[in-house]
């Protein structure tokens, strides 16, 4: 009985038009893929990353390598703790492809076209769970939330285990544009079992509260800037009194303006009337 969680690849197959163009069995332990430059070593690693639930296409890789793009699907028989599961995923130019799972060995799965295969989306869709949730449950690993309100995915975990050739060597995680430090810390804590698994969710809540605090603080600074010259203390009662006084003053000034306008308008009308009378008298 192996220690949980354990995930190991037993066999990897790559298909093109229904024919296996690559078929390799792996040992439980360290496996070395060797070959000359350009022989396809990194392509095999991309296929492994892809069939386990990773996203090959991204900021560093915009499309599959030439010969990899000619393939249709990649299949892997894996050991998940004490269970054997067969995975199948299409090789396509789009991201977030679903994953098919067959809970048995490849020899049995290969004899079934549809029956026994279950398809799970990349991300949760309503009541339909994602394949990351299924794999984590099989590994007896709990779920952990992300800043977007979703869950940590198998892709984010694999980023710590796999790095493509385009990622700088000083980076521990496979490079991605949107890569907040709190997310990487959550993945590391998730794998190492550091603290409670709801710690990340609390950290996200804390960051949200800090953002709200910053917004309220900015509003208060604006209020203090406007009310800084008030003679009364900056309190609710003092502000109410000051607002009332300014309101009365505004009303008084409007009345004065109306009186001035009416007096000037009346004076103009009287002057015009006298002028008309004078002309008519002439």
C-alpha atoms as a PDB file:
ATOM      1  CA  UNK A   1       0.000   0.000   0.000  1.00  0.00           C
ATOM      2  CA  UNK A   2       1.506   3.313  -1.127  1.00  0.00           C
ATOM      3  CA  UNK A   3       1.434   6.489   0.939  1.00  0.00           C
ATOM      4  CA  UNK A   4      -1.308   8.912  -0.106  1.00  0.00           C
ATOM      5  CA  UNK A   5      -1.261  11.069  -2.071  1.00  0.00           C
ATOM      6  CA  UNK A   6       0.651   9.257  -4.826  1.00  0.00           C
ATOM      7  CA  UNK A   7       0.419   9.811  -8.572  1.00  0.00           C
ATOM      8  CA  UNK A   8       2.555   7.837 -11.027  1.00  0.00           C
ATOM      9  CA  UNK A   9       2.443   7.304 -14.782  1.00  0.00           C
ATOM     10  CA  UNK A  10       2.419   3.652 -15.832  1.00  0.00           C
ATOM     11  CA  UNK A  11       2.056   4.054 -19.576  1.00  0.00           C
ATOM     12  CA  UNK A  12       1.803   6.872 -22.118  1.00  0.00           C
ATOM     13  CA  UNK A  13       0.350   6.595 -25.616  1.00  0.00           C
ATOM     14  CA  UNK A  14      -0.031   9.237 -28.332  1.00  0.00           C
ATOM     15  CA  UNK A  15      -2.479   8.634 -31.184  1.00  0.00           C
ATOM     16  CA  UNK A  16      -2.849   9.940 -34.701  1.00  0.00           C
ATOM     17  CA  UNK A  17      -5.876   8.871 -36.741  1.00  0.00           C
ATOM     18  CA  UNK A  18      -6.531   5.984 -34.364  1.00  0.00           C
ATOM     19  CA  UNK A  19      -2.989   4.603 -34.528  1.00  0.00           C
ATOM     20  CA  UNK A  20      -0.505   4.784 -31.665  1.00  0.00           C
ATOM     21  CA  UNK A  21       2.560   6.731 -32.825  1.00  0.00           C
ATOM     22  CA  UNK A  22       4.153   6.614 -29.356  1.00  0.00           C
ATOM     23  CA  UNK A  23       3.726   3.924 -26.707  1.00  0.00           C
ATOM     24  CA  UNK A  24       5.979   3.821 -23.657  1.00  0.00           C
ATOM     25  CA  UNK A  25       5.721   2.108 -20.273  1.00  0.00           C
ATOM     26  CA  UNK A  26       7.209   3.808 -17.204  1.00  0.00           C
ATOM     27  CA  UNK A  27       8.739   2.466 -14.028  1.00  0.00           C
ATOM     28  CA  UNK A  28       7.541   3.401 -10.566  1.00  0.00           C
ATOM     29  CA  UNK A  29      10.402   5.697  -9.618  1.00  0.00           C
ATOM     30  CA  UNK A  30      12.801   7.841 -11.628  1.00  0.00           C
ATOM     31  CA  UNK A  31      12.459   7.647 -15.416  1.00  0.00           C
ATOM     32  CA  UNK A  32      14.865   9.333 -17.841  1.00  0.00           C
ATOM     33  CA  UNK A  33      13.784  10.342 -21.337  1.00  0.00           C
ATOM     34  CA  UNK A  34      16.874  10.666 -23.501  1.00  0.00           C
ATOM     35  CA  UNK A  35      17.605  11.320 -27.149  1.00  0.00           C
ATOM     36  CA  UNK A  36      19.349  13.642 -29.566  1.00  0.00           C
ATOM     37  CA  UNK A  37      18.418  17.301 -29.908  1.00  0.00           C
ATOM     38  CA  UNK A  38      15.122  17.662 -31.724  1.00  0.00           C
ATOM     39  CA  UNK A  39      14.142  14.029 -31.160  1.00  0.00           C
ATOM     40  CA  UNK A  40      10.997  15.015 -29.249  1.00  0.00           C
ATOM     41  CA  UNK A  41      11.914  14.774 -25.554  1.00  0.00           C
ATOM     42  CA  UNK A  42      10.222  18.035 -24.598  1.00  0.00           C
ATOM     43  CA  UNK A  43       7.223  17.097 -26.768  1.00  0.00           C
ATOM     44  CA  UNK A  44       6.763  13.924 -24.726  1.00  0.00           C
ATOM     45  CA  UNK A  45       6.894  16.020 -21.559  1.00  0.00           C
ATOM     46  CA  UNK A  46       4.265  18.341 -23.036  1.00  0.00           C
ATOM     47  CA  UNK A  47       2.021  15.351 -23.713  1.00  0.00           C
ATOM     48  CA  UNK A  48       2.426  14.153 -20.109  1.00  0.00           C
ATOM     49  CA  UNK A  49       1.650  17.632 -18.792  1.00  0.00           C
ATOM     50  CA  UNK A  50      -1.387  17.834 -21.061  1.00  0.00           C
ATOM     51  CA  UNK A  51      -2.937  14.457 -20.297  1.00  0.00           C
ATOM     52  CA  UNK A  52      -2.590  14.988 -16.544  1.00  0.00           C
ATOM     53  CA  UNK A  53      -4.648  18.183 -16.818  1.00  0.00           C
ATOM     54  CA  UNK A  54      -2.076  20.886 -17.525  1.00  0.00           C
ATOM     55  CA  UNK A  55      -2.450  23.620 -20.120  1.00  0.00           C
ATOM     56  CA  UNK A  56       0.423  23.416 -22.613  1.00  0.00           C
ATOM     57  CA  UNK A  57      -0.781  26.417 -24.597  1.00  0.00           C
ATOM     58  CA  UNK A  58      -0.178  29.679 -22.809  1.00  0.00           C
ATOM     59  CA  UNK A  59       2.118  32.740 -22.585  1.00  0.00           C
ATOM     60  CA  UNK A  60       5.292  30.807 -23.441  1.00  0.00           C
ATOM     61  CA  UNK A  61       3.790  28.283 -25.876  1.00  0.00           C
ATOM     62  CA  UNK A  62       1.159  29.643 -28.272  1.00  0.00           C
ATOM     63  CA  UNK A  63       0.668  26.456 -30.270  1.00  0.00           C
ATOM     64  CA  UNK A  64       1.666  22.804 -30.262  1.00  0.00           C
ATOM     65  CA  UNK A  65       4.954  21.857 -31.867  1.00  0.00           C
ATOM     66  CA  UNK A  66       4.698  20.937 -35.541  1.00  0.00           C
ATOM     67  CA  UNK A  67       4.607  17.145 -35.201  1.00  0.00           C
ATOM     68  CA  UNK A  68       2.655  17.209 -31.929  1.00  0.00           C
ATOM     69  CA  UNK A  69      -0.105  19.213 -33.627  1.00  0.00           C
ATOM     70  CA  UNK A  70      -0.569  16.354 -36.114  1.00  0.00           C
ATOM     71  CA  UNK A  71      -1.645  14.026 -33.302  1.00  0.00           C
ATOM     72  CA  UNK A  72      -5.239  13.591 -32.216  1.00  0.00           C
ATOM     73  CA  UNK A  73      -5.157  12.432 -28.596  1.00  0.00           C
ATOM     74  CA  UNK A  74      -2.899  11.374 -25.760  1.00  0.00           C
ATOM     75  CA  UNK A  75      -3.718   8.561 -23.315  1.00  0.00           C
ATOM     76  CA  UNK A  76      -2.083   7.744 -20.000  1.00  0.00           C
ATOM     77  CA  UNK A  77      -2.572   4.936 -17.525  1.00  0.00           C
ATOM     78  CA  UNK A  78      -1.788   6.295 -14.076  1.00  0.00           C
ATOM     79  CA  UNK A  79      -1.714   5.067 -10.497  1.00  0.00           C
ATOM     80  CA  UNK A  80      -3.653   7.306  -8.123  1.00  0.00           C
ATOM     81  CA  UNK A  81      -2.895   6.112  -4.584  1.00  0.00           C
ATOM     82  CA  UNK A  82      -4.014   2.448  -4.827  1.00  0.00           C
ATOM     83  CA  UNK A  83      -6.286   2.865  -7.860  1.00  0.00           C
ATOM     84  CA  UNK A  84      -5.556   2.525 -11.578  1.00  0.00           C
ATOM     85  CA  UNK A  85      -7.091   5.185 -13.837  1.00  0.00           C
ATOM     86  CA  UNK A  86      -6.800   5.743 -17.592  1.00  0.00           C
ATOM     87  CA  UNK A  87      -6.897   9.314 -18.883  1.00  0.00           C
ATOM     88  CA  UNK A  88      -7.592  10.484 -22.419  1.00  0.00           C
ATOM     89  CA  UNK A  89      -7.408  14.050 -23.707  1.00  0.00           C
ATOM     90  CA  UNK A  90      -7.611  15.486 -27.204  1.00  0.00           C
ATOM     91  CA  UNK A  91      -4.698  17.385 -28.718  1.00  0.00           C
ATOM     92  CA  UNK A  92      -6.288  20.558 -30.075  1.00  0.00           C
ATOM     93  CA  UNK A  93      -5.333  24.204 -30.753  1.00  0.00           C
ATOM     94  CA  UNK A  94      -7.780  25.387 -28.059  1.00  0.00           C
ATOM     95  CA  UNK A  95      -7.120  25.672 -24.340  1.00  0.00           C
ATOM     96  CA  UNK A  96      -9.168  24.195 -21.489  1.00  0.00           C
ATOM     97  CA  UNK A  97      -9.939  20.901 -23.199  1.00  0.00           C
ATOM     98  CA  UNK A  98     -12.027  18.417 -21.160  1.00  0.00           C
ATOM     99  CA  UNK A  99     -10.529  15.188 -19.818  1.00  0.00           C
ATOM    100  CA  UNK A 100     -11.946  11.676 -20.137  1.00  0.00           C
ATOM    101  CA  UNK A 101     -11.436   9.187 -17.296  1.00  0.00           C
ATOM    102  CA  UNK A 102     -11.821   5.409 -17.203  1.00  0.00           C
ATOM    103  CA  UNK A 103     -11.422   3.901 -13.763  1.00  0.00           C
ATOM    104  CA  UNK A 104      -9.451   0.824 -14.788  1.00  0.00           C
ATOM    105  CA  UNK A 105      -6.342  -0.275 -16.692  1.00  0.00           C
ATOM    106  CA  UNK A 106      -5.596   0.796 -20.259  1.00  0.00           C
ATOM    107  CA  UNK A 107      -6.079  -2.745 -21.606  1.00  0.00           C
ATOM    108  CA  UNK A 108      -9.672  -2.722 -20.383  1.00  0.00           C
ATOM    109  CA  UNK A 109     -10.297   0.932 -21.297  1.00  0.00           C
ATOM    110  CA  UNK A 110      -9.003   0.400 -24.845  1.00  0.00           C
ATOM    111  CA  UNK A 111     -11.698  -2.237 -25.478  1.00  0.00           C
ATOM    112  CA  UNK A 112     -14.454   0.281 -24.693  1.00  0.00           C
ATOM    113  CA  UNK A 113     -15.305   3.078 -27.073  1.00  0.00           C
ATOM    114  CA  UNK A 114     -17.882   4.892 -24.907  1.00  0.00           C
ATOM    115  CA  UNK A 115     -19.073   2.719 -22.034  1.00  0.00           C
ATOM    116  CA  UNK A 116     -17.112   3.312 -18.838  1.00  0.00           C
ATOM    117  CA  UNK A 117     -15.560   6.594 -20.013  1.00  0.00           C
ATOM    118  CA  UNK A 118     -16.583   9.732 -18.150  1.00  0.00           C
ATOM    119  CA  UNK A 119     -15.924  13.235 -19.471  1.00  0.00           C
ATOM    120  CA  UNK A 120     -15.185  16.109 -17.092  1.00  0.00           C
ATOM    121  CA  UNK A 121     -14.680  19.779 -18.055  1.00  0.00           C
ATOM    122  CA  UNK A 122     -11.613  21.850 -17.259  1.00  0.00           C
ATOM    123  CA  UNK A 123     -13.578  24.044 -14.844  1.00  0.00           C
ATOM    124  CA  UNK A 124     -16.746  23.397 -12.889  1.00  0.00           C
ATOM    125  CA  UNK A 125     -19.924  23.910 -14.922  1.00  0.00           C
ATOM    126  CA  UNK A 126     -22.975  24.160 -12.703  1.00  0.00           C
ATOM    127  CA  UNK A 127     -23.325  20.846 -10.920  1.00  0.00           C
ATOM    128  CA  UNK A 128     -20.753  19.189 -13.219  1.00  0.00           C
ATOM    129  CA  UNK A 129     -17.462  18.850 -11.379  1.00  0.00           C
ATOM    130  CA  UNK A 130     -14.127  19.623 -13.030  1.00  0.00           C
ATOM    131  CA  UNK A 131     -11.573  16.907 -13.657  1.00  0.00           C
ATOM    132  CA  UNK A 132      -9.283  18.601 -11.134  1.00  0.00           C
ATOM    133  CA  UNK A 133     -11.859  17.972  -8.422  1.00  0.00           C
ATOM    134  CA  UNK A 134     -12.122  14.316  -9.437  1.00  0.00           C
ATOM    135  CA  UNK A 135      -8.350  13.797  -9.466  1.00  0.00           C
ATOM    136  CA  UNK A 136      -7.834  15.560  -6.126  1.00  0.00           C
ATOM    137  CA  UNK A 137     -10.597  13.458  -4.571  1.00  0.00           C
ATOM    138  CA  UNK A 138      -8.968  10.287  -5.881  1.00  0.00           C
ATOM    139  CA  UNK A 139      -5.693  11.505  -4.357  1.00  0.00           C
ATOM    140  CA  UNK A 140      -7.531  12.172  -1.072  1.00  0.00           C
ATOM    141  CA  UNK A 141      -6.556  15.841  -1.258  1.00  0.00           C
ATOM    142  CA  UNK A 142      -9.021  18.545  -0.142  1.00  0.00           C
ATOM    143  CA  UNK A 143     -10.097  21.484  -2.268  1.00  0.00           C
ATOM    144  CA  UNK A 144      -8.632  24.977  -1.857  1.00  0.00           C
ATOM    145  CA  UNK A 145     -10.059  28.246  -3.180  1.00  0.00           C
ATOM    146  CA  UNK A 146      -8.411  30.703  -5.596  1.00  0.00           C
ATOM    147  CA  UNK A 147      -8.665  34.542  -5.676  1.00  0.00           C
ATOM    148  CA  UNK A 148     -11.317  34.239  -8.386  1.00  0.00           C
ATOM    149  CA  UNK A 149     -13.534  32.156  -6.136  1.00  0.00           C
ATOM    150  CA  UNK A 150     -12.793  28.857  -7.903  1.00  0.00           C
ATOM    151  CA  UNK A 151     -10.568  26.003  -6.794  1.00  0.00           C
ATOM    152  CA  UNK A 152      -6.886  25.264  -7.182  1.00  0.00           C
ATOM    153  CA  UNK A 153      -6.610  23.189 -10.341  1.00  0.00           C
ATOM    154  CA  UNK A 154      -4.382  20.283 -11.254  1.00  0.00           C
ATOM    155  CA  UNK A 155      -2.813  22.633 -13.820  1.00  0.00           C
ATOM    156  CA  UNK A 156      -1.611  24.991 -11.085  1.00  0.00           C
ATOM    157  CA  UNK A 157      -0.137  22.080  -9.144  1.00  0.00           C
ATOM    158  CA  UNK A 158       1.602  20.694 -12.244  1.00  0.00           C
ATOM    159  CA  UNK A 159       3.171  24.102 -12.883  1.00  0.00           C
ATOM    160  CA  UNK A 160       5.328  23.436  -9.839  1.00  0.00           C
ATOM    161  CA  UNK A 161       6.305  19.982 -11.129  1.00  0.00           C
ATOM    162  CA  UNK A 162       6.861  20.768 -14.805  1.00  0.00           C
ATOM    163  CA  UNK A 163       8.623  23.637 -16.550  1.00  0.00           C
ATOM    164  CA  UNK A 164       8.803  24.117 -20.321  1.00  0.00           C
ATOM    165  CA  UNK A 165      11.984  25.186 -22.075  1.00  0.00           C
ATOM    166  CA  UNK A 166      10.733  28.767 -22.506  1.00  0.00           C
ATOM    167  CA  UNK A 167      10.361  29.390 -18.759  1.00  0.00           C
ATOM    168  CA  UNK A 168      13.434  31.123 -17.213  1.00  0.00           C
ATOM    169  CA  UNK A 169      15.515  28.695 -15.183  1.00  0.00           C
ATOM    170  CA  UNK A 170      15.334  30.859 -12.044  1.00  0.00           C
ATOM    171  CA  UNK A 171      11.558  30.441 -11.829  1.00  0.00           C
ATOM    172  CA  UNK A 172      10.221  27.621  -9.679  1.00  0.00           C
ATOM    173  CA  UNK A 173       6.778  27.716 -11.292  1.00  0.00           C
ATOM    174  CA  UNK A 174       6.130  27.410 -15.011  1.00  0.00           C
ATOM    175  CA  UNK A 175       5.771  30.990 -16.254  1.00  0.00           C
ATOM    176  CA  UNK A 176       2.329  32.563 -16.701  1.00  0.00           C
ATOM    177  CA  UNK A 177       1.342  36.213 -17.108  1.00  0.00           C
ATOM    178  CA  UNK A 178      -1.321  36.244 -14.402  1.00  0.00           C
ATOM    179  CA  UNK A 179       0.672  34.787 -11.534  1.00  0.00           C
ATOM    180  CA  UNK A 180      -0.023  36.468  -8.152  1.00  0.00           C
ATOM    181  CA  UNK A 181       2.414  35.457  -5.374  1.00  0.00           C
ATOM    182  CA  UNK A 182      -0.454  34.523  -3.049  1.00  0.00           C
ATOM    183  CA  UNK A 183      -1.583  31.878  -5.567  1.00  0.00           C
ATOM    184  CA  UNK A 184       1.860  30.296  -5.777  1.00  0.00           C
ATOM    185  CA  UNK A 185       2.139  30.318  -2.004  1.00  0.00           C
ATOM    186  CA  UNK A 186      -1.261  28.616  -1.783  1.00  0.00           C
ATOM    187  CA  UNK A 187      -0.160  25.865  -4.176  1.00  0.00           C
ATOM    188  CA  UNK A 188       3.031  25.292  -2.193  1.00  0.00           C
ATOM    189  CA  UNK A 189       1.141  25.160   1.111  1.00  0.00           C
ATOM    190  CA  UNK A 190      -1.474  22.925  -0.494  1.00  0.00           C
ATOM    191  CA  UNK A 191       1.136  20.352  -1.567  1.00  0.00           C
ATOM    192  CA  UNK A 192       3.157  20.519   1.635  1.00  0.00           C
ATOM    193  CA  UNK A 193       0.129  20.451   3.920  1.00  0.00           C
ATOM    194  CA  UNK A 194       1.284  23.595   5.729  1.00  0.00           C
ATOM    195  CA  UNK A 195      -1.439  24.902   8.039  1.00  0.00           C
ATOM    196  CA  UNK A 196      -5.133  24.459   7.468  1.00  0.00           C
ATOM    197  CA  UNK A 197      -6.382  24.238   3.903  1.00  0.00           C
ATOM    198  CA  UNK A 198      -8.805  27.102   4.534  1.00  0.00           C
ATOM    199  CA  UNK A 199      -5.869  29.407   5.319  1.00  0.00           C
ATOM    200  CA  UNK A 200      -5.660  30.526   1.685  1.00  0.00           C
ATOM    201  CA  UNK A 201      -9.352  31.387   1.666  1.00  0.00           C
ATOM    202  CA  UNK A 202      -8.843  33.504   4.806  1.00  0.00           C
ATOM    203  CA  UNK A 203      -5.865  35.235   3.185  1.00  0.00           C
ATOM    204  CA  UNK A 204      -8.057  36.139   0.207  1.00  0.00           C
ATOM    205  CA  UNK A 205     -10.746  37.489   2.557  1.00  0.00           C
ATOM    206  CA  UNK A 206      -8.076  39.520   4.361  1.00  0.00           C
ATOM    207  CA  UNK A 207      -6.844  41.009   1.092  1.00  0.00           C
ATOM    208  CA  UNK A 208     -10.433  41.947   0.170  1.00  0.00           C
ATOM    209  CA  UNK A 209     -10.933  43.669   3.546  1.00  0.00           C
ATOM    210  CA  UNK A 210      -7.647  45.522   3.168  1.00  0.00           C
ATOM    211  CA  UNK A 211      -8.809  46.796  -0.224  1.00  0.00           C
ATOM    212  CA  UNK A 212     -12.078  47.995   1.321  1.00  0.00           C
ATOM    213  CA  UNK A 213     -10.106  49.705   4.087  1.00  0.00           C
ATOM    214  CA  UNK A 214      -7.959  51.515   1.508  1.00  0.00           C
ATOM    215  CA  UNK A 215     -11.097  52.756  -0.291  1.00  0.00           C
ATOM    216  CA  UNK A 216     -12.683  54.037   2.937  1.00  0.00           C
ATOM    217  CA  UNK A 217      -9.385  55.627   3.951  1.00  0.00           C
ATOM    218  CA  UNK A 218      -9.212  57.491   0.630  1.00  0.00           C
ATOM    219  CA  UNK A 219     -12.765  58.764   1.070  1.00  0.00           C
ATOM    220  CA  UNK A 220     -11.974  59.997   4.586  1.00  0.00           C
ATOM    221  CA  UNK A 221      -8.883  61.800   3.340  1.00  0.00           C
ATOM    222  CA  UNK A 222     -11.049  63.590   0.765  1.00  0.00           C
ATOM    223  CA  UNK A 223     -13.548  64.579   3.458  1.00  0.00           C
ATOM    224  CA  UNK A 224     -10.795  65.890   5.711  1.00  0.00           C
ATOM    225  CA  UNK A 225      -9.307  67.812   2.786  1.00  0.00           C
ATOM    226  CA  UNK A 226     -12.649  69.519   2.113  1.00  0.00           C
ATOM    227  CA  UNK A 227     -13.506  70.151   5.764  1.00  0.00           C
ATOM    228  CA  UNK A 228     -10.046  71.065   6.922  1.00  0.00           C
ATOM    229  CA  UNK A 229     -10.803  74.823   7.108  1.00  0.00           C
ATOM    230  CA  UNK A 230     -14.013  74.475   9.104  1.00  0.00           C
ATOM    231  CA  UNK A 231     -13.959  76.257  12.460  1.00  0.00           C
ATOM    232  CA  UNK A 232     -16.290  73.690  14.026  1.00  0.00           C
ATOM    233  CA  UNK A 233     -14.919  70.254  14.910  1.00  0.00           C
ATOM    234  CA  UNK A 234     -15.185  67.686  12.105  1.00  0.00           C
ATOM    235  CA  UNK A 235     -18.031  65.725  13.676  1.00  0.00           C
ATOM    236  CA  UNK A 236     -21.532  64.859  12.515  1.00  0.00           C
ATOM    237  CA  UNK A 237     -23.149  67.621  14.623  1.00  0.00           C
ATOM    238  CA  UNK A 238     -20.651  70.258  13.563  1.00  0.00           C
ATOM    239  CA  UNK A 239     -20.966  69.329   9.883  1.00  0.00           C
ATOM    240  CA  UNK A 240     -24.773  69.422  10.057  1.00  0.00           C
ATOM    241  CA  UNK A 241     -24.710  72.900  11.626  1.00  0.00           C
ATOM    242  CA  UNK A 242     -22.222  74.149   9.042  1.00  0.00           C
ATOM    243  CA  UNK A 243     -24.271  72.722   6.179  1.00  0.00           C
ATOM    244  CA  UNK A 244     -27.455  74.397   7.492  1.00  0.00           C
ATOM    245  CA  UNK A 245     -25.717  77.768   7.809  1.00  0.00           C
ATOM    246  CA  UNK A 246     -24.288  77.519   4.311  1.00  0.00           C
ATOM    247  CA  UNK A 247     -27.689  76.501   2.944  1.00  0.00           C
ATOM    248  CA  UNK A 248     -29.370  79.564   4.511  1.00  0.00           C
ATOM    249  CA  UNK A 249     -26.601  81.756   3.157  1.00  0.00           C
ATOM    250  CA  UNK A 250     -27.081  80.334  -0.329  1.00  0.00           C
ATOM    251  CA  UNK A 251     -30.856  81.012  -0.161  1.00  0.00           C
ATOM    252  CA  UNK A 252     -30.205  84.599   1.007  1.00  0.00           C
ATOM    253  CA  UNK A 253     -27.792  85.234  -1.855  1.00  0.00           C
ATOM    254  CA  UNK A 254     -30.256  83.830  -4.409  1.00  0.00           C
ATOM    255  CA  UNK A 255     -32.934  86.196  -3.079  1.00  0.00           C
ATOM    256  CA  UNK A 256     -30.574  89.125  -3.413  1.00  0.00           C
ATOM    257  CA  UNK A 257     -29.811  88.127  -6.980  1.00  0.00           C
ATOM    258  CA  UNK A 258     -33.507  87.941  -7.791  1.00  0.00           C
ATOM    259  CA  UNK A 259     -34.115  91.388  -6.259  1.00  0.00           C
ATOM    260  CA  UNK A 260     -31.232  92.867  -8.209  1.00  0.00           C
ATOM    261  CA  UNK A 261     -32.464  91.318 -11.425  1.00  0.00           C
ATOM    262  CA  UNK A 262     -35.998  92.514 -10.877  1.00  0.00           C
ATOM    263  CA  UNK A 263     -34.905  96.065  -9.988  1.00  0.00           C
ATOM    264  CA  UNK A 264     -32.648  96.331 -13.033  1.00  0.00           C
ATOM    265  CA  UNK A 265     -35.316  94.852 -15.286  1.00  0.00           C
ATOM    266  CA  UNK A 266     -37.929  97.298 -13.831  1.00  0.00           C
ATOM    267  CA  UNK A 267     -35.605 100.261 -14.301  1.00  0.00           C
ATOM    268  CA  UNK A 268     -34.986  99.312 -17.919  1.00  0.00           C
ATOM    269  CA  UNK A 269     -38.718  98.978 -18.592  1.00  0.00           C
ATOM    270  CA  UNK A 270     -39.476 102.410 -17.031  1.00  0.00           C
ATOM    271  CA  UNK A 271     -36.755 104.018 -19.097  1.00  0.00           C
ATOM    272  CA  UNK A 272     -38.133 102.493 -22.283  1.00  0.00           C
ATOM    273  CA  UNK A 273     -41.649 103.635 -21.405  1.00  0.00           C
ATOM    274  CA  UNK A 274     -40.529 107.280 -20.862  1.00  0.00           C
ATOM    275  CA  UNK A 275     -38.604 107.206 -24.134  1.00  0.00           C
ATOM    276  CA  UNK A 276     -41.669 106.009 -26.039  1.00  0.00           C
ATOM    277  CA  UNK A 277     -43.839 108.671 -24.459  1.00  0.00           C
ATOM    278  CA  UNK A 278     -41.347 111.363 -25.396  1.00  0.00           C
ATOM    279  CA  UNK A 279     -41.233 110.227 -29.012  1.00  0.00           C
ATOM    280  CA  UNK A 280     -44.977 110.076 -29.288  1.00  0.00           C
ATOM    281  CA  UNK A 281     -45.280 113.582 -27.799  1.00  0.00           C
ATOM    282  CA  UNK A 282     -42.931 114.887 -30.437  1.00  0.00           C
END
